[in-house]
Amino acid sequence: MRTPLAAAVFLLAALPAAAATCTGISAVGLGFGSYDVFSALPDDTAGSLTYSCTAAPAVSFSASLDGALGPREMLHVFGPDVLRYDVYSDAARTVAWTTDPVLLKPGNRTIPFYGRIFAGQDVATGFYADAVTITLNF
């Protein structure tokens, strides 16, 4: 019998060299907790991007560390297994964030993003991690 495993995604905020029009840029990453390989339901969580910009910034999310995109992949820290997941712009998890920039509204904003580990993945027990870079261009 397999036991649930821990999974996490760390999101890094990439800041441009000159931040003349945006301040207060920060991100809260996705923390999935335990993933149950026997569950028929996906494992969902949420994070957020906060910024204060006088002009409309554009945001993009990088691929996984291993280059995976659509879906992204968390790597097992001690083995060859991967845990497939993705990051979405909507709570229904139908529109995945891609590497293409998306124009956001200016002002003091907190933009939620949503993570999902897909159900039905038969992977080894252990810790899985990935790092996705959020780039905010202004």
Protein backbone atom coordinates (compact mmCIF):
# COMPACT_ATOMS: atom_id res chain seq x y z
CA MET A 1 0.00 0.00 0.00
CA ARG A 2 1.38 3.40 -0.93
CA THR A 3 1.28 6.24 1.53
CA PRO A 4 0.52 9.81 0.55
CA LEU A 5 3.50 11.88 -0.48
CA ALA A 6 4.46 15.48 0.00
CA ALA A 7 4.51 17.83 -2.96
CA ALA A 8 5.42 21.48 -3.31
CA VAL A 9 5.97 24.05 -6.01
CA PHE A 10 8.10 27.08 -5.29
CA LEU A 11 7.38 30.21 -7.27
CA LEU A 12 9.99 32.89 -7.63
CA ALA A 13 9.26 36.48 -8.56
CA ALA A 14 11.69 37.80 -11.17
CA LEU A 15 12.18 41.52 -10.91
CA PRO A 16 13.43 43.64 -13.80
CA ALA A 17 16.60 45.68 -13.30
CA ALA A 18 14.83 49.06 -13.20
CA ALA A 19 11.62 49.11 -11.17
CA ALA A 20 10.57 52.71 -11.91
CA THR A 21 6.84 52.04 -12.32
CA CYS A 22 6.19 48.95 -10.17
CA THR A 23 6.80 48.34 -6.47
CA GLY A 24 5.75 45.85 -3.83
CA ILE A 25 6.17 42.84 -6.10
CA SER A 26 5.81 39.54 -4.25
CA ALA A 27 4.45 36.05 -4.79
CA VAL A 28 2.92 33.40 -2.54
CA GLY A 29 3.78 29.99 -4.00
CA LEU A 30 1.78 26.82 -4.34
CA GLY A 31 1.97 24.33 -1.49
CA PHE A 32 0.10 21.15 -2.34
CA GLY A 33 0.75 19.14 0.80
CA SER A 34 0.16 15.39 0.52
CA TYR A 35 -0.93 13.74 -2.72
CA ASP A 36 -2.95 10.53 -2.52
CA VAL A 37 -2.23 8.23 -5.46
CA PHE A 38 -5.51 6.43 -4.84
CA SER A 39 -7.75 9.50 -4.96
CA ALA A 40 -9.90 9.99 -8.05
CA LEU A 41 -9.88 13.74 -7.42
CA PRO A 42 -7.10 16.17 -8.36
CA ASP A 43 -5.14 17.97 -5.65
CA ASP A 44 -5.83 21.72 -5.87
CA THR A 45 -4.25 24.76 -4.21
CA ALA A 46 -3.79 28.47 -4.87
CA GLY A 47 -1.14 31.17 -4.72
CA SER A 48 -0.98 34.87 -5.56
CA LEU A 49 1.07 37.62 -7.18
CA THR A 50 0.95 41.08 -5.60
CA TYR A 51 2.18 44.28 -7.22
CA SER A 52 1.66 48.03 -7.38
CA CYS A 53 2.17 49.44 -10.89
CA THR A 54 1.32 52.79 -12.46
CA ALA A 55 1.29 51.20 -15.93
CA ALA A 56 -0.19 47.88 -17.08
CA PRO A 57 2.39 45.12 -16.51
CA ALA A 58 2.58 41.83 -18.39
CA VAL A 59 3.11 38.57 -16.52
CA SER A 60 4.32 35.16 -17.63
CA PHE A 61 5.05 31.90 -15.84
CA SER A 62 8.06 29.80 -16.84
CA ALA A 63 8.09 26.12 -17.68
CA SER A 64 9.18 23.60 -15.06
CA LEU A 65 12.83 23.25 -14.16
CA ASP A 66 13.03 20.26 -16.53
CA GLY A 67 11.44 22.32 -19.34
CA ALA A 68 8.00 20.70 -19.10
CA LEU A 69 5.04 22.87 -20.02
CA GLY A 70 1.44 21.81 -20.55
CA PRO A 71 1.58 20.13 -18.06
CA ARG A 72 4.48 21.12 -15.83
CA GLU A 73 6.33 18.51 -13.79
CA MET A 74 7.54 18.25 -10.23
CA LEU A 75 10.60 16.06 -9.90
CA HIS A 76 11.05 13.44 -7.19
CA VAL A 77 14.05 14.65 -5.18
CA PHE A 78 15.64 11.17 -4.99
CA GLY A 79 14.26 9.29 -7.97
CA PRO A 80 13.21 9.35 -11.58
CA ASP A 81 9.46 9.86 -11.03
CA VAL A 82 7.66 13.07 -12.01
CA LEU A 83 4.36 14.39 -10.70
CA ARG A 84 2.41 16.26 -13.37
CA TYR A 85 0.64 19.49 -12.43
CA ASP A 86 -0.15 22.88 -13.87
CA VAL A 87 -0.75 26.51 -12.91
CA TYR A 88 -3.96 28.24 -14.00
CA SER A 89 -5.29 31.79 -14.18
CA ASP A 90 -8.87 30.81 -13.30
CA ALA A 91 -10.38 29.03 -10.29
CA ALA A 92 -12.06 26.48 -12.60
CA ARG A 93 -8.55 25.51 -13.75
CA THR A 94 -9.33 25.67 -17.45
CA VAL A 95 -6.80 28.32 -18.62
CA ALA A 96 -3.17 27.39 -17.90
CA TRP A 97 -0.54 30.10 -17.44
CA THR A 98 2.03 29.81 -20.20
CA THR A 99 5.31 31.45 -21.06
CA ASP A 100 3.37 33.96 -23.20
CA PRO A 101 3.00 37.33 -21.43
CA VAL A 102 -0.52 38.28 -20.32
CA LEU A 103 -1.37 41.97 -19.81
CA LEU A 104 -2.63 42.81 -16.32
CA LYS A 105 -4.36 45.90 -14.96
CA PRO A 106 -2.33 48.69 -13.35
CA GLY A 107 -2.80 49.70 -9.72
CA ASN A 108 -2.42 47.95 -6.38
CA ARG A 109 -3.38 44.37 -7.25
CA THR A 110 -3.27 40.84 -5.95
CA ILE A 111 -3.68 38.33 -8.74
CA PRO A 112 -4.57 34.77 -7.70
CA PHE A 113 -3.28 31.75 -9.56
CA TYR A 114 -4.38 28.18 -9.09
CA GLY A 115 -2.47 24.90 -9.03
CA ARG A 116 -3.62 21.38 -9.76
CA ILE A 117 -1.88 18.02 -9.49
CA PHE A 118 -3.72 15.66 -11.77
CA ALA A 119 -5.38 12.58 -10.26
CA GLY A 120 -4.44 9.02 -11.08
CA GLN A 121 -0.65 9.32 -11.10
CA ASP A 122 1.06 6.19 -9.78
CA VAL A 123 4.30 7.64 -8.45
CA ALA A 124 6.76 6.70 -5.74
CA THR A 125 6.38 7.98 -2.20
CA GLY A 126 8.61 10.93 -1.39
CA PHE A 127 9.05 14.64 -1.82
CA TYR A 128 8.45 16.30 -5.20
CA ALA A 129 9.39 19.88 -6.05
CA ASP A 130 9.61 22.34 -8.91
CA ALA A 131 10.43 26.02 -9.33
CA VAL A 132 8.47 28.26 -11.68
CA THR A 133 9.65 31.80 -12.32
CA ILE A 134 7.00 34.51 -12.52
CA THR A 135 8.19 37.36 -14.71
CA LEU A 136 6.48 40.73 -14.42
CA ASN A 137 7.39 43.06 -17.30
CA PHE A 138 6.60 46.78 -17.15
